[in-house]
Amino acid sequence: MQIEVVKSKIHRVTVRQADLNYIGSITLDRDLIDAANLIVGEKVQVLNINNGERLETYVIEGPRGSGDVTLNGPAARKVQTGDIIIIISYALMDVEAAKSFQPTLIFPNENTNTLD
């Protein structure tokens, strides 16, 4: 049997932009992608602290060191610039492997979205 567990978590970053006219996804600073052990195109869940919205989308790469966190396309209707969000990815694994698995959790600077 397999279960779904938290693989990666970016805890509390600030939305810099919400671009309704982009084709979709969440743009993240490449430093955040690397630190959180995410890959471009990976499905993520976005939790909005400000309004309680939850949505699923996929990661696209933003400029390294930019602090970029942008919700694009339809997801832009679920956030406002300045909202605080949590980004989580999940992985399927065997129950026994899940018992000892350690997810990657990062806690960026909430004001700059950087890994000070």
PDB file of N, CA and C in Angstrom:
ATOM      1  N   MET A   1       0.847  -1.177   0.000  1.00  0.00           N
ATOM      2  CA  MET A   1       0.000   0.000   0.000  1.00  0.00           C
ATOM      3  C   MET A   1       0.892   1.240   0.000  1.00  0.00           C
ATOM      4  N   GLN A   2       0.428   2.278  -0.678  1.00  0.00           N
ATOM      5  CA  GLN A   2       1.124   3.553  -0.685  1.00  0.00           C
ATOM      6  C   GLN A   2       0.240   4.616  -0.054  1.00  0.00           C
ATOM      7  N   ILE A   3       0.912   5.600   0.544  1.00  0.00           N
ATOM      8  CA  ILE A   3       0.195   6.745   1.092  1.00  0.00           C
ATOM      9  C   ILE A   3       0.855   8.025   0.581  1.00  0.00           C
ATOM     10  N   GLU A   4       0.110   9.106   0.636  1.00  0.00           N
ATOM     11  CA  GLU A   4       0.624  10.400   0.202  1.00  0.00           C
ATOM     12  C   GLU A   4       1.097  11.171   1.434  1.00  0.00           C
ATOM     13  N   VAL A   5       2.353  11.634   1.391  1.00  0.00           N
ATOM     14  CA  VAL A   5       2.917  12.373   2.521  1.00  0.00           C
ATOM     15  C   VAL A   5       3.511  13.691   2.038  1.00  0.00           C
ATOM     16  N   VAL A   6       3.695  14.614   2.965  1.00  0.00           N
ATOM     17  CA  VAL A   6       4.333  15.890   2.636  1.00  0.00           C
ATOM     18  C   VAL A   6       5.764  15.624   2.199  1.00  0.00           C
ATOM     19  N   LYS A   7       6.128  16.125   1.012  1.00  0.00           N
ATOM     20  CA  LYS A   7       7.490  16.000   0.487  1.00  0.00           C
ATOM     21  C   LYS A   7       8.284  17.272   0.746  1.00  0.00           C
ATOM     22  N   SER A   8       7.648  18.418   0.480  1.00  0.00           N
ATOM     23  CA  SER A   8       8.313  19.716   0.582  1.00  0.00           C
ATOM     24  C   SER A   8       7.323  20.760   1.075  1.00  0.00           C
ATOM     25  N   LYS A   9       7.847  21.741   1.819  1.00  0.00           N
ATOM     26  CA  LYS A   9       6.981  22.819   2.297  1.00  0.00           C
ATOM     27  C   LYS A   9       7.760  24.120   2.355  1.00  0.00           C
ATOM     28  N   ILE A  10       7.195  25.133   1.724  1.00  0.00           N
ATOM     29  CA  ILE A  10       7.706  26.506   1.852  1.00  0.00           C
ATOM     30  C   ILE A  10       6.721  27.208   2.768  1.00  0.00           C
ATOM     31  N   HIS A  11       7.169  27.531   3.975  1.00  0.00           N
ATOM     32  CA  HIS A  11       6.275  28.041   5.003  1.00  0.00           C
ATOM     33  C   HIS A  11       6.294  29.565   5.044  1.00  0.00           C
ATOM     34  N   ARG A  12       5.163  30.160   4.699  1.00  0.00           N
ATOM     35  CA  ARG A  12       4.916  31.590   4.820  1.00  0.00           C
ATOM     36  C   ARG A  12       5.831  32.465   3.967  1.00  0.00           C
ATOM     37  N   VAL A  13       5.433  32.621   2.717  1.00  0.00           N
ATOM     38  CA  VAL A  13       6.049  33.601   1.827  1.00  0.00           C
ATOM     39  C   VAL A  13       4.970  34.589   1.408  1.00  0.00           C
ATOM     40  N   THR A  14       5.395  35.731   0.921  1.00  0.00           N
ATOM     41  CA  THR A  14       4.482  36.803   0.548  1.00  0.00           C
ATOM     42  C   THR A  14       4.271  36.820  -0.967  1.00  0.00           C
ATOM     43  N   VAL A  15       3.018  36.862  -1.383  1.00  0.00           N
ATOM     44  CA  VAL A  15       2.690  36.958  -2.806  1.00  0.00           C
ATOM     45  C   VAL A  15       3.131  38.328  -3.309  1.00  0.00           C
ATOM     46  N   ARG A  16       3.970  38.326  -4.341  1.00  0.00           N
ATOM     47  CA  ARG A  16       4.475  39.577  -4.932  1.00  0.00           C
ATOM     48  C   ARG A  16       3.583  40.083  -6.048  1.00  0.00           C
ATOM     49  N   GLN A  17       2.976  39.136  -6.800  1.00  0.00           N
ATOM     50  CA  GLN A  17       2.121  39.508  -7.919  1.00  0.00           C
ATOM     51  C   GLN A  17       1.026  38.467  -8.101  1.00  0.00           C
ATOM     52  N   ALA A  18      -0.052  38.889  -8.723  1.00  0.00           N
ATOM     53  CA  ALA A  18      -1.126  37.992  -9.148  1.00  0.00           C
ATOM     54  C   ALA A  18      -1.444  38.395 -10.591  1.00  0.00           C
ATOM     55  N   ASP A  19      -1.075  37.526 -11.541  1.00  0.00           N
ATOM     56  CA  ASP A  19      -1.160  37.845 -12.966  1.00  0.00           C
ATOM     57  C   ASP A  19      -2.236  36.995 -13.638  1.00  0.00           C
ATOM     58  N   LEU A  20      -3.431  37.529 -13.711  1.00  0.00           N
ATOM     59  CA  LEU A  20      -4.574  36.818 -14.272  1.00  0.00           C
ATOM     60  C   LEU A  20      -4.374  36.438 -15.740  1.00  0.00           C
ATOM     61  N   ASN A  21      -3.626  37.225 -16.478  1.00  0.00           N
ATOM     62  CA  ASN A  21      -3.490  37.007 -17.923  1.00  0.00           C
ATOM     63  C   ASN A  21      -2.355  36.074 -18.312  1.00  0.00           C
ATOM     64  N   TYR A  22      -1.666  35.491 -17.339  1.00  0.00           N
ATOM     65  CA  TYR A  22      -0.625  34.515 -17.646  1.00  0.00           C
ATOM     66  C   TYR A  22      -1.278  33.148 -17.807  1.00  0.00           C
ATOM     67  N   ILE A  23      -0.598  32.195 -18.425  1.00  0.00           N
ATOM     68  CA  ILE A  23      -1.233  30.911 -18.755  1.00  0.00           C
ATOM     69  C   ILE A  23      -1.511  30.008 -17.559  1.00  0.00           C
ATOM     70  N   GLY A  24      -0.969  30.297 -16.408  1.00  0.00           N
ATOM     71  CA  GLY A  24      -1.270  29.495 -15.228  1.00  0.00           C
ATOM     72  C   GLY A  24      -0.027  29.139 -14.449  1.00  0.00           C
ATOM     73  N   SER A  25      -0.196  28.715 -13.212  1.00  0.00           N
ATOM     74  CA  SER A  25       0.888  28.213 -12.374  1.00  0.00           C
ATOM     75  C   SER A  25       1.266  29.169 -11.256  1.00  0.00           C
ATOM     76  N   ILE A  26       2.333  28.805 -10.542  1.00  0.00           N
ATOM     77  CA  ILE A  26       2.932  29.677  -9.538  1.00  0.00           C
ATOM     78  C   ILE A  26       4.400  29.852  -9.907  1.00  0.00           C
ATOM     79  N   THR A  27       4.816  31.091 -10.059  1.00  0.00           N
ATOM     80  CA  THR A  27       6.210  31.402 -10.341  1.00  0.00           C
ATOM     81  C   THR A  27       6.928  31.568  -9.013  1.00  0.00           C
ATOM     82  N   LEU A  28       8.043  30.830  -8.854  1.00  0.00           N
ATOM     83  CA  LEU A  28       8.836  30.901  -7.623  1.00  0.00           C
ATOM     84  C   LEU A  28      10.288  31.218  -7.940  1.00  0.00           C
ATOM     85  N   ASP A  29      10.889  32.030  -7.090  1.00  0.00           N
ATOM     86  CA  ASP A  29      12.322  32.289  -7.131  1.00  0.00           C
ATOM     87  C   ASP A  29      13.058  30.947  -7.205  1.00  0.00           C
ATOM     88  N   ARG A  30      14.027  30.825  -8.107  1.00  0.00           N
ATOM     89  CA  ARG A  30      14.767  29.567  -8.262  1.00  0.00           C
ATOM     90  C   ARG A  30      15.423  29.128  -6.954  1.00  0.00           C
ATOM     91  N   ASP A  31      15.827  30.078  -6.113  1.00  0.00           N
ATOM     92  CA  ASP A  31      16.417  29.716  -4.817  1.00  0.00           C
ATOM     93  C   ASP A  31      15.410  28.978  -3.939  1.00  0.00           C
ATOM     94  N   LEU A  32      14.148  29.402  -3.963  1.00  0.00           N
ATOM     95  CA  LEU A  32      13.104  28.714  -3.192  1.00  0.00           C
ATOM     96  C   LEU A  32      12.856  27.316  -3.741  1.00  0.00           C
ATOM     97  N   ILE A  33      12.820  27.196  -5.069  1.00  0.00           N
ATOM     98  CA  ILE A  33      12.608  25.891  -5.699  1.00  0.00           C
ATOM     99  C   ILE A  33      13.694  24.916  -5.255  1.00  0.00           C
ATOM    100  N   ASP A  34      14.940  25.347  -5.341  1.00  0.00           N
ATOM    101  CA  ASP A  34      16.062  24.479  -4.978  1.00  0.00           C
ATOM    102  C   ASP A  34      16.050  24.127  -3.498  1.00  0.00           C
ATOM    103  N   ALA A  35      15.867  25.130  -2.650  1.00  0.00           N
ATOM    104  CA  ALA A  35      15.906  24.902  -1.196  1.00  0.00           C
ATOM    105  C   ALA A  35      14.791  23.975  -0.732  1.00  0.00           C
ATOM    106  N   ALA A  36      13.633  24.040  -1.401  1.00  0.00           N
ATOM    107  CA  ALA A  36      12.475  23.230  -1.008  1.00  0.00           C
ATOM    108  C   ALA A  36      12.462  21.861  -1.689  1.00  0.00           C
ATOM    109  N   ASN A  37      13.479  21.583  -2.505  1.00  0.00           N
ATOM    110  CA  ASN A  37      13.543  20.288  -3.192  1.00  0.00           C
ATOM    111  C   ASN A  37      12.342  20.080  -4.124  1.00  0.00           C
ATOM    112  N   LEU A  38      11.947  21.157  -4.803  1.00  0.00           N
ATOM    113  CA  LEU A  38      10.875  21.095  -5.794  1.00  0.00           C
ATOM    114  C   LEU A  38      11.490  21.004  -7.182  1.00  0.00           C
ATOM    115  N   ILE A  39      10.693  20.610  -8.157  1.00  0.00           N
ATOM    116  CA  ILE A  39      11.145  20.658  -9.541  1.00  0.00           C
ATOM    117  C   ILE A  39      10.149  21.472 -10.352  1.00  0.00           C
ATOM    118  N   VAL A  40      10.647  22.091 -11.395  1.00  0.00           N
ATOM    119  CA  VAL A  40       9.786  22.868 -12.287  1.00  0.00           C
ATOM    120  C   VAL A  40       8.752  21.919 -12.884  1.00  0.00           C
ATOM    121  N   GLY A  41       7.496  22.320 -12.838  1.00  0.00           N
ATOM    122  CA  GLY A  41       6.397  21.508 -13.342  1.00  0.00           C
ATOM    123  C   GLY A  41       5.729  20.656 -12.278  1.00  0.00           C
ATOM    124  N   GLU A  42       6.315  20.612 -11.088  1.00  0.00           N
ATOM    125  CA  GLU A  42       5.746  19.792 -10.012  1.00  0.00           C
ATOM    126  C   GLU A  42       4.428  20.387  -9.501  1.00  0.00           C
ATOM    127  N   LYS A  43       3.472  19.508  -9.220  1.00  0.00           N
ATOM    128  CA  LYS A  43       2.191  19.943  -8.657  1.00  0.00           C
ATOM    129  C   LYS A  43       2.390  20.351  -7.205  1.00  0.00           C
ATOM    130  N   VAL A  44       1.800  21.484  -6.841  1.00  0.00           N
ATOM    131  CA  VAL A  44       1.853  21.975  -5.466  1.00  0.00           C
ATOM    132  C   VAL A  44       0.471  22.428  -5.018  1.00  0.00           C
ATOM    133  N   GLN A  45       0.293  22.414  -3.724  1.00  0.00           N
ATOM    134  CA  GLN A  45      -0.908  22.976  -3.112  1.00  0.00           C
ATOM    135  C   GLN A  45      -0.503  24.313  -2.503  1.00  0.00           C
ATOM    136  N   VAL A  46      -1.334  25.323  -2.727  1.00  0.00           N
ATOM    137  CA  VAL A  46      -1.087  26.664  -2.200  1.00  0.00           C
ATOM    138  C   VAL A  46      -2.170  26.967  -1.180  1.00  0.00           C
ATOM    139  N   LEU A  47      -1.750  27.313   0.033  1.00  0.00           N
ATOM    140  CA  LEU A  47      -2.674  27.634   1.123  1.00  0.00           C
ATOM    141  C   LEU A  47      -2.541  29.115   1.440  1.00  0.00           C
ATOM    142  N   ASN A  48      -3.640  29.844   1.315  1.00  0.00           N
ATOM    143  CA  ASN A  48      -3.619  31.287   1.552  1.00  0.00           C
ATOM    144  C   ASN A  48      -3.992  31.559   3.007  1.00  0.00           C
ATOM    145  N   ILE A  49      -3.032  32.070   3.772  1.00  0.00           N
ATOM    146  CA  ILE A  49      -3.250  32.382   5.181  1.00  0.00           C
ATOM    147  C   ILE A  49      -4.297  33.493   5.340  1.00  0.00           C
ATOM    148  N   ASN A  50      -4.311  34.449   4.425  1.00  0.00           N
ATOM    149  CA  ASN A  50      -5.184  35.611   4.562  1.00  0.00           C
ATOM    150  C   ASN A  50      -6.662  35.316   4.365  1.00  0.00           C
ATOM    151  N   ASN A  51      -6.992  34.413   3.422  1.00  0.00           N
ATOM    152  CA  ASN A  51      -8.415  34.206   3.144  1.00  0.00           C
ATOM    153  C   ASN A  51      -8.859  32.741   3.229  1.00  0.00           C
ATOM    154  N   GLY A  52      -7.931  31.831   3.560  1.00  0.00           N
ATOM    155  CA  GLY A  52      -8.296  30.429   3.715  1.00  0.00           C
ATOM    156  C   GLY A  52      -8.413  29.645   2.424  1.00  0.00           C
ATOM    157  N   GLU A  53      -8.186  30.276   1.285  1.00  0.00           N
ATOM    158  CA  GLU A  53      -8.271  29.570  -0.007  1.00  0.00           C
ATOM    159  C   GLU A  53      -7.182  28.509  -0.104  1.00  0.00           C
ATOM    160  N   ARG A  54      -7.520  27.406  -0.767  1.00  0.00           N
ATOM    161  CA  ARG A  54      -6.559  26.346  -1.090  1.00  0.00           C
ATOM    162  C   ARG A  54      -6.709  26.061  -2.570  1.00  0.00           C
ATOM    163  N   LEU A  55      -5.579  25.895  -3.250  1.00  0.00           N
ATOM    164  CA  LEU A  55      -5.640  25.595  -4.670  1.00  0.00           C
ATOM    165  C   LEU A  55      -4.444  24.736  -5.051  1.00  0.00           C
ATOM    166  N   GLU A  56      -4.575  24.054  -6.175  1.00  0.00           N
ATOM    167  CA  GLU A  56      -3.482  23.269  -6.722  1.00  0.00           C
ATOM    168  C   GLU A  56      -3.054  23.885  -8.041  1.00  0.00           C
ATOM    169  N   THR A  57      -1.755  23.894  -8.264  1.00  0.00           N
ATOM    170  CA  THR A  57      -1.187  24.392  -9.507  1.00  0.00           C
ATOM    171  C   THR A  57       0.172  23.731  -9.682  1.00  0.00           C
ATOM    172  N   TYR A  58       1.009  24.279 -10.540  1.00  0.00           N
ATOM    173  CA  TYR A  58       2.332  23.704 -10.764  1.00  0.00           C
ATOM    174  C   TYR A  58       3.388  24.807 -10.749  1.00  0.00           C
ATOM    175  N   VAL A  59       4.618  24.408 -10.489  1.00  0.00           N
ATOM    176  CA  VAL A  59       5.728  25.346 -10.303  1.00  0.00           C
ATOM    177  C   VAL A  59       6.350  25.732 -11.640  1.00  0.00           C
ATOM    178  N   ILE A  60       6.597  27.038 -11.819  1.00  0.00           N
ATOM    179  CA  ILE A  60       7.469  27.500 -12.892  1.00  0.00           C
ATOM    180  C   ILE A  60       8.578  28.338 -12.263  1.00  0.00           C
ATOM    181  N   GLU A  61       9.689  28.417 -12.964  1.00  0.00           N
ATOM    182  CA  GLU A  61      10.888  29.051 -12.431  1.00  0.00           C
ATOM    183  C   GLU A  61      10.885  30.553 -12.626  1.00  0.00           C
ATOM    184  N   GLY A  62      11.173  31.261 -11.533  1.00  0.00           N
ATOM    185  CA  GLY A  62      11.388  32.695 -11.579  1.00  0.00           C
ATOM    186  C   GLY A  62      12.867  32.988 -11.407  1.00  0.00           C
ATOM    187  N   PRO A  63      13.261  34.231 -11.561  1.00  0.00           N
ATOM    188  CA  PRO A  63      14.676  34.583 -11.453  1.00  0.00           C
ATOM    189  C   PRO A  63      15.249  34.276 -10.066  1.00  0.00           C
ATOM    190  N   ARG A  64      16.451  33.710 -10.057  1.00  0.00           N
ATOM    191  CA  ARG A  64      17.161  33.382  -8.818  1.00  0.00           C
ATOM    192  C   ARG A  64      17.444  34.667  -8.031  1.00  0.00           C
ATOM    193  N   GLY A  65      17.168  34.622  -6.731  1.00  0.00           N
ATOM    194  CA  GLY A  65      17.454  35.755  -5.858  1.00  0.00           C
ATOM    195  C   GLY A  65      16.448  36.888  -5.922  1.00  0.00           C
ATOM    196  N   SER A  66      15.363  36.691  -6.669  1.00  0.00           N
ATOM    197  CA  SER A  66      14.379  37.762  -6.878  1.00  0.00           C
ATOM    198  C   SER A  66      13.325  37.850  -5.777  1.00  0.00           C
ATOM    199  N   GLY A  67      13.138  36.763  -5.023  1.00  0.00           N
ATOM    200  CA  GLY A  67      12.036  36.729  -4.061  1.00  0.00           C
ATOM    201  C   GLY A  67      10.684  36.586  -4.728  1.00  0.00           C
ATOM    202  N   ASP A  68      10.684  36.246  -6.010  1.00  0.00           N
ATOM    203  CA  ASP A  68       9.439  36.159  -6.785  1.00  0.00           C
ATOM    204  C   ASP A  68       8.520  35.051  -6.275  1.00  0.00           C
ATOM    205  N   VAL A  69       7.286  35.425  -5.986  1.00  0.00           N
ATOM    206  CA  VAL A  69       6.191  34.498  -5.701  1.00  0.00           C
ATOM    207  C   VAL A  69       4.972  35.108  -6.393  1.00  0.00           C
ATOM    208  N   THR A  70       4.628  34.557  -7.557  1.00  0.00           N
ATOM    209  CA  THR A  70       3.542  35.105  -8.373  1.00  0.00           C
ATOM    210  C   THR A  70       2.542  34.007  -8.680  1.00  0.00           C
ATOM    211  N   LEU A  71       1.266  34.258  -8.391  1.00  0.00           N
ATOM    212  CA  LEU A  71       0.190  33.350  -8.782  1.00  0.00           C
ATOM    213  C   LEU A  71      -0.313  33.807 -10.135  1.00  0.00           C
ATOM    214  N   ASN A  72      -0.387  32.865 -11.077  1.00  0.00           N
ATOM    215  CA  ASN A  72      -0.715  33.173 -12.462  1.00  0.00           C
ATOM    216  C   ASN A  72      -2.028  32.530 -12.886  1.00  0.00           C
ATOM    217  N   GLY A  73      -2.637  33.102 -13.911  1.00  0.00           N
ATOM    218  CA  GLY A  73      -3.858  32.542 -14.490  1.00  0.00           C
ATOM    219  C   GLY A  73      -4.996  32.534 -13.482  1.00  0.00           C
ATOM    220  N   PRO A  74      -5.860  31.514 -13.526  1.00  0.00           N
ATOM    221  CA  PRO A  74      -7.020  31.473 -12.638  1.00  0.00           C
ATOM    222  C   PRO A  74      -6.655  31.549 -11.154  1.00  0.00           C
ATOM    223  N   ALA A  75      -5.479  31.038 -10.779  1.00  0.00           N
ATOM    224  CA  ALA A  75      -5.052  31.096  -9.379  1.00  0.00           C
ATOM    225  C   ALA A  75      -4.921  32.536  -8.885  1.00  0.00           C
ATOM    226  N   ALA A  76      -4.713  33.469  -9.803  1.00  0.00           N
ATOM    227  CA  ALA A  76      -4.573  34.876  -9.424  1.00  0.00           C
ATOM    228  C   ALA A  76      -5.857  35.430  -8.803  1.00  0.00           C
ATOM    229  N   ARG A  77      -6.980  34.785  -9.047  1.00  0.00           N
ATOM    230  CA  ARG A  77      -8.243  35.218  -8.443  1.00  0.00           C
ATOM    231  C   ARG A  77      -8.356  34.796  -6.982  1.00  0.00           C
ATOM    232  N   LYS A  78      -7.487  33.900  -6.539  1.00  0.00           N
ATOM    233  CA  LYS A  78      -7.557  33.359  -5.180  1.00  0.00           C
ATOM    234  C   LYS A  78      -6.628  34.064  -4.203  1.00  0.00           C
ATOM    235  N   VAL A  79      -5.812  35.012  -4.693  1.00  0.00           N
ATOM    236  CA  VAL A  79      -4.853  35.729  -3.851  1.00  0.00           C
ATOM    237  C   VAL A  79      -4.847  37.207  -4.205  1.00  0.00           C
ATOM    238  N   GLN A  80      -4.262  37.964  -3.313  1.00  0.00           N
ATOM    239  CA  GLN A  80      -3.974  39.363  -3.582  1.00  0.00           C
ATOM    240  C   GLN A  80      -2.499  39.592  -3.283  1.00  0.00           C
ATOM    241  N   THR A  81      -1.915  40.548  -3.972  1.00  0.00           N
ATOM    242  CA  THR A  81      -0.541  40.914  -3.672  1.00  0.00           C
ATOM    243  C   THR A  81      -0.451  41.254  -2.187  1.00  0.00           C
ATOM    244  N   GLY A  82       0.554  40.702  -1.529  1.00  0.00           N
ATOM    245  CA  GLY A  82       0.735  40.920  -0.099  1.00  0.00           C
ATOM    246  C   GLY A  82       0.203  39.790   0.773  1.00  0.00           C
ATOM    247  N   ASP A  83      -0.602  38.886   0.212  1.00  0.00           N
ATOM    248  CA  ASP A  83      -1.092  37.741   0.988  1.00  0.00           C
ATOM    249  C   ASP A  83       0.073  36.841   1.383  1.00  0.00           C
ATOM    250  N   ILE A  84      -0.063  36.198   2.511  1.00  0.00           N
ATOM    251  CA  ILE A  84       0.912  35.227   2.988  1.00  0.00           C
ATOM    252  C   ILE A  84       0.400  33.833   2.619  1.00  0.00           C
ATOM    253  N   ILE A  85       1.281  33.028   2.006  1.00  0.00           N
ATOM    254  CA  ILE A  85       0.884  31.686   1.587  1.00  0.00           C
ATOM    255  C   ILE A  85       1.878  30.633   2.079  1.00  0.00           C
ATOM    256  N   ILE A  86       1.411  29.398   2.082  1.00  0.00           N
ATOM    257  CA  ILE A  86       2.234  28.221   2.335  1.00  0.00           C
ATOM    258  C   ILE A  86       2.136  27.372   1.069  1.00  0.00           C
ATOM    259  N   ILE A  87       3.261  26.812   0.640  1.00  0.00           N
ATOM    260  CA  ILE A  87       3.305  25.993  -0.571  1.00  0.00           C
ATOM    261  C   ILE A  87       3.762  24.592  -0.171  1.00  0.00           C
ATOM    262  N   ILE A  88       2.979  23.573  -0.547  1.00  0.00           N
ATOM    263  CA  ILE A  88       3.265  22.199  -0.135  1.00  0.00           C
ATOM    264  C   ILE A  88       3.228  21.283  -1.352  1.00  0.00           C
ATOM    265  N   SER A  89       4.200  20.371  -1.419  1.00  0.00           N
ATOM    266  CA  SER A  89       4.139  19.284  -2.404  1.00  0.00           C
ATOM    267  C   SER A  89       4.075  17.968  -1.648  1.00  0.00           C
ATOM    268  N   TYR A  90       3.537  16.962  -2.310  1.00  0.00           N
ATOM    269  CA  TYR A  90       3.330  15.654  -1.695  1.00  0.00           C
ATOM    270  C   TYR A  90       3.972  14.574  -2.554  1.00  0.00           C
ATOM    271  N   ALA A  91       4.245  13.429  -1.947  1.00  0.00           N
ATOM    272  CA  ALA A  91       4.790  12.291  -2.678  1.00  0.00           C
ATOM    273  C   ALA A  91       4.096  11.020  -2.225  1.00  0.00           C
ATOM    274  N   LEU A  92       3.953  10.079  -3.154  1.00  0.00           N
ATOM    275  CA  LEU A  92       3.424   8.753  -2.830  1.00  0.00           C
ATOM    276  C   LEU A  92       4.589   7.852  -2.464  1.00  0.00           C
ATOM    277  N   MET A  93       4.422   7.094  -1.400  1.00  0.00           N
ATOM    278  CA  MET A  93       5.456   6.128  -1.022  1.00  0.00           C
ATOM    279  C   MET A  93       4.854   5.016  -0.196  1.00  0.00           C
ATOM    280  N   ASP A  94       5.608   3.938  -0.103  1.00  0.00           N
ATOM    281  CA  ASP A  94       5.181   2.816   0.720  1.00  0.00           C
ATOM    282  C   ASP A  94       5.055   3.253   2.169  1.00  0.00           C
ATOM    283  N   VAL A  95       4.140   2.639   2.889  1.00  0.00           N
ATOM    284  CA  VAL A  95       3.896   2.995   4.289  1.00  0.00           C
ATOM    285  C   VAL A  95       5.177   2.894   5.108  1.00  0.00           C
ATOM    286  N   GLU A  96       5.937   1.834   4.925  1.00  0.00           N
ATOM    287  CA  GLU A  96       7.163   1.664   5.715  1.00  0.00           C
ATOM    288  C   GLU A  96       8.178   2.760   5.414  1.00  0.00           C
ATOM    289  N   ALA A  97       8.321   3.140   4.159  1.00  0.00           N
ATOM    290  CA  ALA A  97       9.238   4.225   3.794  1.00  0.00           C
ATOM    291  C   ALA A  97       8.750   5.551   4.369  1.00  0.00           C
ATOM    292  N   ALA A  98       7.438   5.749   4.385  1.00  0.00           N
ATOM    293  CA  ALA A  98       6.861   6.996   4.897  1.00  0.00           C
ATOM    294  C   ALA A  98       7.132   7.190   6.381  1.00  0.00           C
ATOM    295  N   LYS A  99       7.251   6.108   7.104  1.00  0.00           N
ATOM    296  CA  LYS A  99       7.480   6.204   8.549  1.00  0.00           C
ATOM    297  C   LYS A  99       8.806   6.871   8.892  1.00  0.00           C
ATOM    298  N   SER A 100       9.787   6.736   8.039  1.00  0.00           N
ATOM    299  CA  SER A 100      11.090   7.337   8.323  1.00  0.00           C
ATOM    300  C   SER A 100      11.429   8.509   7.399  1.00  0.00           C
ATOM    301  N   PHE A 101      10.550   8.805   6.459  1.00  0.00           N
ATOM    302  CA  PHE A 101      10.810   9.890   5.506  1.00  0.00           C
ATOM    303  C   PHE A 101      10.808  11.236   6.215  1.00  0.00           C
ATOM    304  N   GLN A 102      11.759  12.094   5.861  1.00  0.00           N
ATOM    305  CA  GLN A 102      11.836  13.452   6.400  1.00  0.00           C
ATOM    306  C   GLN A 102      11.594  14.455   5.274  1.00  0.00           C
ATOM    307  N   PRO A 103      10.507  15.210   5.328  1.00  0.00           N
ATOM    308  CA  PRO A 103      10.246  16.188   4.275  1.00  0.00           C
ATOM    309  C   PRO A 103      11.231  17.363   4.348  1.00  0.00           C
ATOM    310  N   THR A 104      11.335  18.076   3.243  1.00  0.00           N
ATOM    311  CA  THR A 104      12.131  19.299   3.204  1.00  0.00           C
ATOM    312  C   THR A 104      11.220  20.461   3.583  1.00  0.00           C
ATOM    313  N   LEU A 105      11.541  21.131   4.668  1.00  0.00           N
ATOM    314  CA  LEU A 105      10.757  22.266   5.158  1.00  0.00           C
ATOM    315  C   LEU A 105      11.657  23.496   5.167  1.00  0.00           C
ATOM    316  N   ILE A 106      11.206  24.567   4.523  1.00  0.00           N
ATOM    317  CA  ILE A 106      11.985  25.807   4.562  1.00  0.00           C
ATOM    318  C   ILE A 106      11.124  26.942   5.094  1.00  0.00           C
ATOM    319  N   PHE A 107      11.787  27.882   5.739  1.00  0.00           N
ATOM    320  CA  PHE A 107      11.124  29.010   6.393  1.00  0.00           C
ATOM    321  C   PHE A 107      11.783  30.308   5.934  1.00  0.00           C
ATOM    322  N   PRO A 108      11.440  30.763   4.725  1.00  0.00           N
ATOM    323  CA  PRO A 108      12.061  31.985   4.193  1.00  0.00           C
ATOM    324  C   PRO A 108      11.683  33.224   5.013  1.00  0.00           C
ATOM    325  N   ASN A 109      12.444  34.281   4.806  1.00  0.00           N
ATOM    326  CA  ASN A 109      12.097  35.569   5.377  1.00  0.00           C
ATOM    327  C   ASN A 109      10.784  36.009   4.744  1.00  0.00           C
ATOM    328  N   GLU A 110       9.772  36.184   5.555  1.00  0.00           N
ATOM    329  CA  GLU A 110       8.415  36.487   5.059  1.00  0.00           C
ATOM    330  C   GLU A 110       8.330  37.827   4.342  1.00  0.00           C
ATOM    331  N   ASN A 111       9.210  38.764   4.682  1.00  0.00           N
ATOM    332  CA  ASN A 111       9.179  40.087   4.070  1.00  0.00           C
ATOM    333  C   ASN A 111       9.862  40.120   2.710  1.00  0.00           C
ATOM    334  N   THR A 112      10.919  39.307   2.541  1.00  0.00           N
ATOM    335  CA  THR A 112      11.700  39.351   1.307  1.00  0.00           C
ATOM    336  C   THR A 112      11.588  38.081   0.469  1.00  0.00           C
ATOM    337  N   ASN A 113      11.014  37.019   1.056  1.00  0.00           N
ATOM    338  CA  ASN A 113      10.917  35.702   0.406  1.00  0.00           C
ATOM    339  C   ASN A 113      12.292  35.122   0.096  1.00  0.00           C
ATOM    340  N   THR A 114      13.298  35.523   0.854  1.00  0.00           N
ATOM    341  CA  THR A 114      14.659  35.013   0.636  1.00  0.00           C
ATOM    342  C   THR A 114      15.054  34.125   1.815  1.00  0.00           C
ATOM    343  N   LEU A 115      16.147  33.402   1.616  1.00  0.00           N
ATOM    344  CA  LEU A 115      16.617  32.437   2.609  1.00  0.00           C
ATOM    345  C   LEU A 115      17.750  33.034   3.442  1.00  0.00           C
ATOM    346  N   ASP A 116      17.495  34.139   4.073  1.00  0.00           N
ATOM    347  CA  ASP A 116      18.526  34.873   4.844  1.00  0.00           C
ATOM    348  C   ASP A 116      19.302  33.968   5.751  1.00  0.00           C
TER     349      ASP A 116
END
